[in-house]
N, C-alpha and C. Protein backbone atom coordinates (compact mmCIF):
# COMPACT_ATOMS: atom_id res chain seq x y z
N MET A 1 105.84 -157.03 -155.40
CA MET A 1 107.21 -156.55 -155.56
C MET A 1 107.67 -156.83 -156.98
N ALA A 2 108.35 -155.87 -157.56
CA ALA A 2 108.82 -155.98 -158.93
C ALA A 2 109.99 -156.95 -159.01
N GLU A 3 110.08 -157.59 -160.12
CA GLU A 3 111.21 -158.47 -160.37
C GLU A 3 112.48 -157.64 -160.54
N LYS A 4 113.59 -158.23 -160.11
CA LYS A 4 114.87 -157.54 -160.25
C LYS A 4 115.18 -157.27 -161.71
N SER A 5 114.78 -158.19 -162.59
CA SER A 5 115.04 -158.01 -164.02
C SER A 5 114.24 -156.83 -164.58
N ASP A 6 113.05 -156.56 -164.00
CA ASP A 6 112.26 -155.41 -164.44
C ASP A 6 113.03 -154.11 -164.23
N VAL A 7 113.66 -153.98 -163.09
CA VAL A 7 114.44 -152.78 -162.78
C VAL A 7 115.60 -152.65 -163.76
N THR A 8 116.30 -153.74 -164.01
CA THR A 8 117.43 -153.72 -164.93
C THR A 8 116.97 -153.32 -166.33
N GLN A 9 115.86 -153.88 -166.79
CA GLN A 9 115.34 -153.54 -168.11
C GLN A 9 114.93 -152.07 -168.20
N LEU A 10 114.27 -151.59 -167.16
CA LEU A 10 113.85 -150.18 -167.15
C LEU A 10 115.05 -149.24 -167.12
N LEU A 11 116.09 -149.62 -166.38
CA LEU A 11 117.31 -148.81 -166.36
C LEU A 11 117.92 -148.72 -167.75
N SER A 12 117.95 -149.84 -168.46
CA SER A 12 118.49 -149.85 -169.82
C SER A 12 117.67 -148.96 -170.74
N LYS A 13 116.35 -149.05 -170.64
CA LYS A 13 115.48 -148.22 -171.47
C LYS A 13 115.64 -146.74 -171.12
N ALA A 14 115.71 -146.46 -169.82
CA ALA A 14 115.84 -145.07 -169.37
C ALA A 14 117.14 -144.45 -169.87
N GLN A 15 118.17 -145.26 -169.94
CA GLN A 15 119.47 -144.75 -170.38
C GLN A 15 119.44 -144.31 -171.84
N THR A 16 118.53 -144.89 -172.62
CA THR A 16 118.42 -144.50 -174.02
C THR A 16 117.51 -143.29 -174.19
N GLY A 17 117.02 -142.74 -173.06
CA GLY A 17 116.19 -141.54 -173.12
C GLY A 17 114.70 -141.82 -173.06
N ASN A 18 114.30 -143.02 -172.78
CA ASN A 18 112.89 -143.40 -172.70
C ASN A 18 112.28 -142.84 -171.41
N ARG A 19 111.49 -141.78 -171.53
CA ARG A 19 110.89 -141.12 -170.37
C ARG A 19 109.85 -142.01 -169.68
N GLU A 20 109.15 -142.84 -170.45
CA GLU A 20 108.16 -143.74 -169.86
C GLU A 20 108.82 -144.74 -168.93
N ALA A 21 110.02 -145.18 -169.29
CA ALA A 21 110.76 -146.12 -168.44
C ALA A 21 111.10 -145.46 -167.11
N LEU A 22 111.44 -144.17 -167.15
CA LEU A 22 111.73 -143.44 -165.91
C LEU A 22 110.49 -143.37 -165.03
N ASP A 23 109.34 -143.13 -165.65
CA ASP A 23 108.09 -143.06 -164.89
C ASP A 23 107.76 -144.41 -164.25
N GLU A 24 108.09 -145.50 -164.93
CA GLU A 24 107.83 -146.83 -164.38
C GLU A 24 108.87 -147.22 -163.33
N LEU A 25 110.08 -146.70 -163.47
CA LEU A 25 111.18 -147.09 -162.59
C LEU A 25 111.00 -146.58 -161.16
N LEU A 26 110.64 -145.33 -161.01
CA LEU A 26 110.58 -144.74 -159.67
C LEU A 26 109.71 -145.53 -158.68
N PRO A 27 108.50 -145.93 -159.05
CA PRO A 27 107.71 -146.70 -158.07
C PRO A 27 108.36 -148.03 -157.70
N LEU A 28 109.13 -148.60 -158.61
CA LEU A 28 109.77 -149.89 -158.34
C LEU A 28 110.95 -149.77 -157.39
N VAL A 29 111.62 -148.62 -157.41
CA VAL A 29 112.85 -148.47 -156.61
C VAL A 29 112.67 -147.56 -155.40
N TYR A 30 111.55 -146.84 -155.34
CA TYR A 30 111.38 -145.82 -154.32
C TYR A 30 111.48 -146.35 -152.89
N ASP A 31 110.80 -147.44 -152.59
CA ASP A 31 110.82 -147.98 -151.23
C ASP A 31 112.23 -148.39 -150.82
N GLU A 32 112.95 -149.01 -151.74
CA GLU A 32 114.32 -149.43 -151.44
C GLU A 32 115.23 -148.21 -151.27
N LEU A 33 115.03 -147.18 -152.10
CA LEU A 33 115.81 -145.95 -151.94
C LEU A 33 115.52 -145.30 -150.59
N ARG A 34 114.27 -145.34 -150.15
CA ARG A 34 113.92 -144.78 -148.83
C ARG A 34 114.60 -145.58 -147.72
N ARG A 35 114.69 -146.90 -147.89
CA ARG A 35 115.36 -147.73 -146.90
C ARG A 35 116.85 -147.36 -146.82
N VAL A 36 117.47 -147.19 -147.98
CA VAL A 36 118.89 -146.81 -148.02
C VAL A 36 119.06 -145.42 -147.40
N ALA A 37 118.18 -144.49 -147.75
CA ALA A 37 118.24 -143.14 -147.18
C ALA A 37 118.06 -143.19 -145.67
N GLY A 38 117.12 -144.00 -145.22
CA GLY A 38 116.89 -144.16 -143.78
C GLY A 38 118.13 -144.70 -143.09
N SER A 39 118.80 -145.63 -143.73
CA SER A 39 120.04 -146.19 -143.19
C SER A 39 121.10 -145.11 -143.04
N HIS A 40 121.23 -144.27 -144.06
CA HIS A 40 122.19 -143.16 -143.99
C HIS A 40 121.81 -142.19 -142.87
N LEU A 41 120.55 -141.84 -142.79
CA LEU A 41 120.12 -140.83 -141.83
C LEU A 41 120.09 -141.34 -140.40
N ARG A 42 119.97 -142.64 -140.20
CA ARG A 42 120.03 -143.20 -138.84
C ARG A 42 121.39 -142.91 -138.21
N ASN A 43 122.38 -142.73 -139.04
CA ASN A 43 123.73 -142.49 -138.54
C ASN A 43 124.02 -141.00 -138.35
N GLU A 44 123.03 -140.17 -138.61
CA GLU A 44 123.19 -138.72 -138.46
C GLU A 44 122.73 -138.28 -137.07
N ARG A 45 122.99 -137.02 -136.78
CA ARG A 45 122.55 -136.47 -135.49
C ARG A 45 121.02 -136.46 -135.45
N ASP A 46 120.47 -136.44 -134.24
CA ASP A 46 119.03 -136.51 -134.05
C ASP A 46 118.27 -135.36 -134.70
N ASN A 47 118.82 -134.18 -134.68
CA ASN A 47 118.10 -133.01 -135.19
C ASN A 47 118.49 -132.66 -136.62
N HIS A 48 118.90 -133.64 -137.40
CA HIS A 48 119.29 -133.40 -138.80
C HIS A 48 118.08 -132.87 -139.57
N THR A 49 118.29 -131.81 -140.34
CA THR A 49 117.18 -131.17 -141.04
C THR A 49 116.87 -131.83 -142.38
N LEU A 50 117.76 -132.63 -142.91
CA LEU A 50 117.50 -133.32 -144.16
C LEU A 50 116.73 -134.61 -143.87
N GLN A 51 115.59 -134.78 -144.50
CA GLN A 51 114.73 -135.94 -144.29
C GLN A 51 114.96 -136.98 -145.39
N ALA A 52 114.52 -138.21 -145.13
CA ALA A 52 114.72 -139.31 -146.08
C ALA A 52 114.11 -138.99 -147.45
N THR A 53 112.92 -138.43 -147.47
CA THR A 53 112.26 -138.11 -148.74
C THR A 53 113.10 -137.13 -149.55
N ALA A 54 113.60 -136.09 -148.90
CA ALA A 54 114.43 -135.11 -149.60
C ALA A 54 115.73 -135.75 -150.10
N LEU A 55 116.31 -136.61 -149.29
CA LEU A 55 117.54 -137.28 -149.69
C LEU A 55 117.29 -138.20 -150.89
N VAL A 56 116.19 -138.94 -150.87
CA VAL A 56 115.83 -139.81 -152.00
C VAL A 56 115.61 -138.98 -153.26
N ASN A 57 114.84 -137.91 -153.13
CA ASN A 57 114.54 -137.08 -154.30
C ASN A 57 115.81 -136.48 -154.90
N GLU A 58 116.67 -135.96 -154.06
CA GLU A 58 117.93 -135.37 -154.55
C GLU A 58 118.80 -136.43 -155.22
N ALA A 59 118.91 -137.58 -154.60
CA ALA A 59 119.72 -138.66 -155.18
C ALA A 59 119.13 -139.15 -156.50
N TYR A 60 117.82 -139.30 -156.55
CA TYR A 60 117.18 -139.79 -157.78
C TYR A 60 117.38 -138.82 -158.93
N ILE A 61 117.25 -137.54 -158.64
CA ILE A 61 117.47 -136.53 -159.68
C ILE A 61 118.91 -136.61 -160.19
N ARG A 62 119.86 -136.74 -159.29
CA ARG A 62 121.26 -136.86 -159.70
C ARG A 62 121.53 -138.15 -160.46
N LEU A 63 120.85 -139.22 -160.06
CA LEU A 63 121.01 -140.50 -160.77
C LEU A 63 120.52 -140.38 -162.21
N LEU A 64 119.43 -139.69 -162.39
CA LEU A 64 118.88 -139.53 -163.74
C LEU A 64 119.79 -138.68 -164.63
N GLU A 65 120.59 -137.83 -164.00
CA GLU A 65 121.52 -136.98 -164.75
C GLU A 65 122.77 -137.75 -165.20
N GLN A 66 122.96 -138.96 -164.68
CA GLN A 66 124.13 -139.76 -165.02
C GLN A 66 123.99 -140.29 -166.44
N LYS A 67 124.79 -139.78 -167.33
CA LYS A 67 124.72 -140.20 -168.74
C LYS A 67 125.80 -141.23 -169.07
N GLU A 68 126.86 -141.26 -168.29
CA GLU A 68 127.98 -142.14 -168.59
C GLU A 68 127.91 -143.50 -167.89
N VAL A 69 126.89 -143.70 -167.09
CA VAL A 69 126.79 -144.95 -166.34
C VAL A 69 126.13 -146.02 -167.22
N ASP A 70 126.76 -147.17 -167.30
CA ASP A 70 126.18 -148.31 -168.00
C ASP A 70 125.55 -149.19 -166.92
N TRP A 71 124.26 -149.00 -166.69
CA TRP A 71 123.57 -149.71 -165.61
C TRP A 71 123.62 -151.21 -165.86
N GLN A 72 124.30 -151.92 -164.97
CA GLN A 72 124.47 -153.36 -165.13
C GLN A 72 123.27 -154.14 -164.60
N ASN A 73 122.77 -153.71 -163.45
CA ASN A 73 121.65 -154.42 -162.83
C ASN A 73 121.11 -153.59 -161.67
N ARG A 74 120.15 -154.15 -161.00
CA ARG A 74 119.49 -153.49 -159.87
C ARG A 74 120.48 -153.16 -158.75
N LEU A 75 121.35 -154.11 -158.40
CA LEU A 75 122.32 -153.87 -157.33
C LEU A 75 123.29 -152.75 -157.70
N HIS A 76 123.68 -152.70 -158.95
CA HIS A 76 124.56 -151.63 -159.42
C HIS A 76 123.88 -150.28 -159.24
N PHE A 77 122.60 -150.21 -159.58
CA PHE A 77 121.83 -148.98 -159.42
C PHE A 77 121.82 -148.54 -157.96
N PHE A 78 121.52 -149.49 -157.04
CA PHE A 78 121.45 -149.13 -155.62
C PHE A 78 122.83 -148.82 -155.05
N SER A 79 123.86 -149.41 -155.57
CA SER A 79 125.22 -149.08 -155.16
C SER A 79 125.55 -147.63 -155.51
N ILE A 80 125.24 -147.24 -156.73
CA ILE A 80 125.48 -145.86 -157.17
C ILE A 80 124.57 -144.91 -156.38
N ALA A 81 123.32 -145.32 -156.15
CA ALA A 81 122.40 -144.47 -155.38
C ALA A 81 122.92 -144.23 -153.98
N SER A 82 123.44 -145.26 -153.35
CA SER A 82 123.97 -145.12 -152.00
C SER A 82 125.18 -144.19 -151.99
N GLU A 83 126.04 -144.35 -152.96
CA GLU A 83 127.21 -143.46 -153.07
C GLU A 83 126.76 -142.02 -153.27
N MET A 84 125.73 -141.83 -154.08
CA MET A 84 125.19 -140.49 -154.34
C MET A 84 124.64 -139.89 -153.04
N MET A 85 123.94 -140.69 -152.25
CA MET A 85 123.39 -140.21 -150.98
C MET A 85 124.52 -139.82 -150.03
N ARG A 86 125.57 -140.62 -150.01
CA ARG A 86 126.72 -140.30 -149.17
C ARG A 86 127.30 -138.95 -149.56
N ARG A 87 127.47 -138.73 -150.86
CA ARG A 87 128.02 -137.45 -151.33
C ARG A 87 127.13 -136.29 -150.94
N ILE A 88 125.82 -136.47 -151.06
CA ILE A 88 124.87 -135.41 -150.70
C ILE A 88 125.01 -135.09 -149.21
N LEU A 89 125.07 -136.12 -148.37
CA LEU A 89 125.20 -135.90 -146.93
C LEU A 89 126.54 -135.26 -146.56
N VAL A 90 127.60 -135.67 -147.23
CA VAL A 90 128.91 -135.08 -146.95
C VAL A 90 128.90 -133.61 -147.38
N ASN A 91 128.36 -133.31 -148.55
CA ASN A 91 128.27 -131.91 -149.00
C ASN A 91 127.42 -131.08 -148.03
N TYR A 92 126.34 -131.68 -147.56
CA TYR A 92 125.47 -131.02 -146.59
C TYR A 92 126.24 -130.72 -145.31
N ALA A 93 127.02 -131.71 -144.85
CA ALA A 93 127.81 -131.54 -143.62
C ALA A 93 128.87 -130.48 -143.80
N VAL A 94 129.54 -130.48 -144.94
CA VAL A 94 130.58 -129.48 -145.20
C VAL A 94 129.97 -128.08 -145.20
N GLN A 95 128.84 -127.92 -145.87
CA GLN A 95 128.18 -126.62 -145.91
C GLN A 95 127.74 -126.18 -144.51
N ARG A 96 127.17 -127.11 -143.77
CA ARG A 96 126.70 -126.79 -142.42
C ARG A 96 127.87 -126.41 -141.53
N ASN A 97 128.97 -127.17 -141.62
CA ASN A 97 130.13 -126.89 -140.80
C ASN A 97 130.79 -125.58 -141.20
N ALA A 98 130.76 -125.26 -142.48
CA ALA A 98 131.33 -123.99 -142.93
C ALA A 98 130.53 -122.83 -142.34
N LYS A 99 129.21 -122.99 -142.28
CA LYS A 99 128.38 -121.94 -141.70
C LYS A 99 128.65 -121.77 -140.21
N LYS A 100 128.92 -122.87 -139.54
CA LYS A 100 129.15 -122.81 -138.10
C LYS A 100 130.64 -122.76 -137.78
N ARG A 101 131.47 -122.70 -138.81
CA ARG A 101 132.93 -122.67 -138.65
C ARG A 101 133.43 -123.83 -137.80
N GLY A 102 132.90 -125.02 -138.14
CA GLY A 102 133.40 -126.22 -137.48
C GLY A 102 132.71 -126.60 -136.20
N ASP A 103 131.87 -125.71 -135.68
CA ASP A 103 131.19 -126.01 -134.42
C ASP A 103 130.06 -127.00 -134.65
N GLY A 104 129.96 -128.00 -133.82
CA GLY A 104 128.85 -128.95 -133.91
C GLY A 104 128.94 -129.87 -135.10
N ALA A 105 130.09 -130.44 -135.39
CA ALA A 105 130.25 -131.34 -136.52
C ALA A 105 129.24 -132.47 -136.46
N ILE A 106 128.76 -132.88 -137.62
CA ILE A 106 127.77 -133.95 -137.70
C ILE A 106 128.41 -135.26 -137.26
N GLN A 107 127.75 -135.95 -136.35
CA GLN A 107 128.28 -137.18 -135.79
C GLN A 107 127.62 -138.39 -136.44
N VAL A 108 128.44 -139.39 -136.73
CA VAL A 108 127.97 -140.64 -137.29
C VAL A 108 128.47 -141.74 -136.39
N GLU A 109 127.60 -142.68 -136.06
CA GLU A 109 128.01 -143.79 -135.21
C GLU A 109 128.19 -145.04 -136.07
N LEU A 110 129.38 -145.61 -136.03
CA LEU A 110 129.66 -146.79 -136.82
C LEU A 110 129.53 -148.06 -135.99
N ASP A 111 128.91 -147.94 -134.84
CA ASP A 111 128.75 -149.06 -133.93
C ASP A 111 128.38 -150.36 -134.63
N GLU A 112 127.22 -150.36 -135.26
CA GLU A 112 126.70 -151.59 -135.84
C GLU A 112 127.41 -151.96 -137.12
N ALA A 113 127.59 -150.99 -138.01
CA ALA A 113 128.14 -151.31 -139.32
C ALA A 113 129.61 -151.68 -139.28
N ILE A 114 130.39 -150.97 -138.50
CA ILE A 114 131.82 -151.25 -138.49
C ILE A 114 132.23 -151.93 -137.20
N SER A 115 131.33 -152.02 -136.25
CA SER A 115 131.53 -152.79 -135.02
C SER A 115 132.79 -152.40 -134.26
N PHE A 116 132.98 -151.11 -134.09
CA PHE A 116 134.10 -150.68 -133.27
C PHE A 116 133.82 -151.10 -131.83
N ALA A 117 134.79 -151.65 -131.20
CA ALA A 117 134.60 -152.16 -129.83
C ALA A 117 134.21 -151.04 -128.87
N ASP A 118 134.77 -149.85 -129.06
CA ASP A 118 134.48 -148.77 -128.13
C ASP A 118 133.28 -147.93 -128.56
N GLY A 119 132.67 -148.22 -129.70
CA GLY A 119 131.44 -147.55 -130.13
C GLY A 119 131.58 -146.05 -130.26
N ARG A 120 132.76 -145.57 -130.63
CA ARG A 120 132.94 -144.12 -130.66
C ARG A 120 132.25 -143.48 -131.86
N ASP A 121 131.97 -142.20 -131.71
CA ASP A 121 131.35 -141.41 -132.77
C ASP A 121 132.44 -140.63 -133.50
N PHE A 122 132.11 -140.17 -134.70
CA PHE A 122 133.01 -139.31 -135.46
C PHE A 122 132.16 -138.55 -136.45
N ASP A 123 132.72 -137.53 -137.05
CA ASP A 123 131.88 -136.77 -137.95
C ASP A 123 131.97 -137.33 -139.37
N LEU A 124 130.91 -137.09 -140.14
CA LEU A 124 130.77 -137.62 -141.49
C LEU A 124 131.87 -137.12 -142.41
N VAL A 125 132.30 -135.89 -142.22
CA VAL A 125 133.38 -135.34 -143.04
C VAL A 125 134.67 -136.12 -142.79
N SER A 126 134.94 -136.47 -141.54
CA SER A 126 136.13 -137.27 -141.22
C SER A 126 136.05 -138.65 -141.87
N LEU A 127 134.87 -139.25 -141.85
CA LEU A 127 134.70 -140.55 -142.50
C LEU A 127 134.95 -140.43 -143.99
N ASP A 128 134.41 -139.40 -144.60
CA ASP A 128 134.61 -139.20 -146.04
C ASP A 128 136.09 -139.05 -146.35
N GLU A 129 136.80 -138.26 -145.56
CA GLU A 129 138.25 -138.07 -145.78
C GLU A 129 139.00 -139.38 -145.59
N ALA A 130 138.62 -140.14 -144.57
CA ALA A 130 139.27 -141.43 -144.33
C ALA A 130 139.01 -142.40 -145.48
N LEU A 131 137.78 -142.40 -145.99
CA LEU A 131 137.46 -143.29 -147.12
C LEU A 131 138.22 -142.89 -148.38
N LYS A 132 138.41 -141.60 -148.60
CA LYS A 132 139.20 -141.15 -149.75
C LYS A 132 140.65 -141.62 -149.62
N THR A 133 141.19 -141.53 -148.41
CA THR A 133 142.55 -142.01 -148.18
C THR A 133 142.62 -143.52 -148.37
N LEU A 134 141.64 -144.24 -147.82
CA LEU A 134 141.60 -145.69 -147.98
C LEU A 134 141.50 -146.07 -149.45
N ALA A 135 140.71 -145.33 -150.22
CA ALA A 135 140.55 -145.62 -151.65
C ALA A 135 141.87 -145.52 -152.39
N LYS A 136 142.74 -144.60 -151.96
CA LYS A 136 144.06 -144.47 -152.59
C LYS A 136 144.93 -145.68 -152.25
N LEU A 137 144.74 -146.21 -151.06
CA LEU A 137 145.53 -147.37 -150.62
C LEU A 137 144.93 -148.68 -151.12
N ASP A 138 143.61 -148.79 -151.04
CA ASP A 138 142.94 -150.02 -151.44
C ASP A 138 141.52 -149.67 -151.87
N GLU A 139 141.33 -149.49 -153.15
CA GLU A 139 140.04 -149.06 -153.69
C GLU A 139 138.93 -150.07 -153.38
N LYS A 140 139.28 -151.36 -153.41
CA LYS A 140 138.28 -152.40 -153.15
C LYS A 140 137.75 -152.30 -151.72
N GLN A 141 138.63 -152.10 -150.75
CA GLN A 141 138.20 -151.99 -149.36
C GLN A 141 137.31 -150.77 -149.17
N ALA A 142 137.67 -149.66 -149.78
CA ALA A 142 136.86 -148.45 -149.66
C ALA A 142 135.47 -148.67 -150.25
N LYS A 143 135.41 -149.35 -151.37
CA LYS A 143 134.12 -149.61 -152.01
C LYS A 143 133.28 -150.55 -151.14
N ILE A 144 133.92 -151.52 -150.52
CA ILE A 144 133.20 -152.45 -149.64
C ILE A 144 132.61 -151.69 -148.45
N VAL A 145 133.37 -150.79 -147.85
CA VAL A 145 132.85 -149.98 -146.74
C VAL A 145 131.66 -149.16 -147.21
N GLU A 146 131.80 -148.55 -148.37
CA GLU A 146 130.73 -147.73 -148.91
C GLU A 146 129.46 -148.54 -149.12
N LEU A 147 129.60 -149.70 -149.73
CA LEU A 147 128.44 -150.54 -150.01
C LEU A 147 127.81 -151.10 -148.74
N ARG A 148 128.65 -151.54 -147.81
CA ARG A 148 128.14 -152.16 -146.59
C ARG A 148 127.58 -151.11 -145.63
N PHE A 149 128.37 -150.07 -145.34
CA PHE A 149 127.96 -149.08 -144.35
C PHE A 149 126.90 -148.13 -144.90
N PHE A 150 127.20 -147.52 -146.04
CA PHE A 150 126.27 -146.53 -146.58
C PHE A 150 125.13 -147.16 -147.36
N GLY A 151 125.42 -148.23 -148.08
CA GLY A 151 124.39 -148.84 -148.90
C GLY A 151 123.56 -149.88 -148.18
N GLY A 152 124.06 -150.36 -147.04
CA GLY A 152 123.34 -151.36 -146.29
C GLY A 152 123.29 -152.71 -146.98
N LEU A 153 124.21 -152.96 -147.92
CA LEU A 153 124.20 -154.23 -148.63
C LEU A 153 124.77 -155.33 -147.76
N THR A 154 124.30 -156.52 -147.98
CA THR A 154 124.81 -157.68 -147.27
C THR A 154 126.17 -158.09 -147.86
N ILE A 155 126.83 -159.02 -147.21
CA ILE A 155 128.09 -159.56 -147.73
C ILE A 155 127.85 -160.11 -149.14
N GLU A 156 126.79 -160.88 -149.30
CA GLU A 156 126.49 -161.52 -150.58
C GLU A 156 126.19 -160.48 -151.67
N GLU A 157 125.40 -159.47 -151.34
CA GLU A 157 125.08 -158.43 -152.32
C GLU A 157 126.32 -157.64 -152.70
N THR A 158 127.16 -157.34 -151.72
CA THR A 158 128.41 -156.62 -151.99
C THR A 158 129.30 -157.44 -152.91
N ALA A 159 129.39 -158.74 -152.64
CA ALA A 159 130.20 -159.62 -153.49
C ALA A 159 129.68 -159.61 -154.92
N GLN A 160 128.36 -159.65 -155.06
CA GLN A 160 127.76 -159.65 -156.40
C GLN A 160 128.04 -158.35 -157.14
N VAL A 161 127.88 -157.23 -156.46
CA VAL A 161 128.12 -155.93 -157.10
C VAL A 161 129.57 -155.82 -157.56
N LEU A 162 130.50 -156.28 -156.72
CA LEU A 162 131.92 -156.14 -157.03
C LEU A 162 132.48 -157.31 -157.85
N GLY A 163 131.70 -158.35 -158.00
CA GLY A 163 132.15 -159.50 -158.78
C GLY A 163 133.27 -160.28 -158.11
N ILE A 164 133.19 -160.37 -156.78
CA ILE A 164 134.19 -161.11 -156.01
C ILE A 164 133.48 -162.10 -155.09
N SER A 165 134.23 -162.96 -154.43
CA SER A 165 133.62 -163.97 -153.57
C SER A 165 133.19 -163.37 -152.23
N ASP A 166 132.26 -164.07 -151.59
CA ASP A 166 131.80 -163.66 -150.26
C ASP A 166 132.96 -163.64 -149.27
N SER A 167 133.82 -164.65 -149.35
CA SER A 167 134.94 -164.72 -148.40
C SER A 167 135.92 -163.56 -148.60
N THR A 168 136.08 -163.11 -149.84
CA THR A 168 136.94 -161.94 -150.09
C THR A 168 136.32 -160.70 -149.48
N VAL A 169 135.01 -160.55 -149.63
CA VAL A 169 134.33 -159.40 -149.03
C VAL A 169 134.50 -159.42 -147.52
N LYS A 170 134.30 -160.57 -146.90
CA LYS A 170 134.43 -160.67 -145.44
C LYS A 170 135.85 -160.29 -144.99
N ARG A 171 136.85 -160.82 -145.68
CA ARG A 171 138.23 -160.54 -145.33
C ARG A 171 138.56 -159.06 -145.50
N GLU A 172 138.21 -158.49 -146.65
CA GLU A 172 138.50 -157.08 -146.93
C GLU A 172 137.71 -156.16 -146.01
N TRP A 173 136.49 -156.54 -145.65
CA TRP A 173 135.64 -155.78 -144.73
C TRP A 173 136.31 -155.69 -143.37
N ARG A 174 136.81 -156.84 -142.87
CA ARG A 174 137.50 -156.85 -141.57
C ARG A 174 138.73 -155.95 -141.61
N MET A 175 139.50 -156.03 -142.69
CA MET A 175 140.71 -155.22 -142.79
C MET A 175 140.37 -153.73 -142.89
N ALA A 176 139.34 -153.41 -143.65
CA ALA A 176 138.94 -152.01 -143.79
C ALA A 176 138.46 -151.44 -142.46
N LYS A 177 137.68 -152.24 -141.71
CA LYS A 177 137.20 -151.78 -140.39
C LYS A 177 138.37 -151.50 -139.47
N ALA A 178 139.35 -152.38 -139.48
CA ALA A 178 140.52 -152.21 -138.61
C ALA A 178 141.28 -150.95 -139.02
N TRP A 179 141.44 -150.73 -140.31
CA TRP A 179 142.16 -149.55 -140.78
C TRP A 179 141.39 -148.27 -140.39
N LEU A 180 140.08 -148.27 -140.60
CA LEU A 180 139.28 -147.08 -140.27
C LEU A 180 139.31 -146.80 -138.77
N LYS A 181 139.33 -147.85 -137.97
CA LYS A 181 139.35 -147.66 -136.53
C LYS A 181 140.61 -146.88 -136.10
N THR A 182 141.71 -147.09 -136.79
CA THR A 182 142.94 -146.36 -136.45
C THR A 182 142.94 -144.93 -136.95
N ARG A 183 142.09 -144.64 -137.93
CA ARG A 183 142.10 -143.31 -138.55
C ARG A 183 141.02 -142.36 -138.04
N ILE A 184 139.97 -142.91 -137.45
CA ILE A 184 138.83 -142.05 -137.06
C ILE A 184 138.74 -142.02 -135.55
């Protein structure tokens, strides 16, 4: 397994246009990106046509196109990658729903990640809209949901990415879950 500092160094080199760094980076991050993609897709309907490999490839291509991002570290990279995957899935859901005129909305189960007592399902587009609304009210809570639910980051990793304490993440996570439960 590659050192975390190796990924950070390669990201820095890649940002300056070093193509060799990009070639070295993908093998180091691919398995983790597949895990994140798998986490996203586990929450999709059973017959979803987008596969983890396609989601990883699309996200990686979009990540490489990011010129304004100052890659801070490995966790920052995976945080942005997870957000990118979420956007891809939401766009996919919107396009699919537009074709079907709203019939058969994509369902996401927040059972484990958000621990809703009643384990209800909701569609990904609704979650995206709720997160946008939450971001207007409390950007930190929305980012925590994104990192925890979509990125699969632990409390500690989320705290590190956001530069806040573990206890703050736990508190804000609980509040965000409660708020989302009322909206979805």
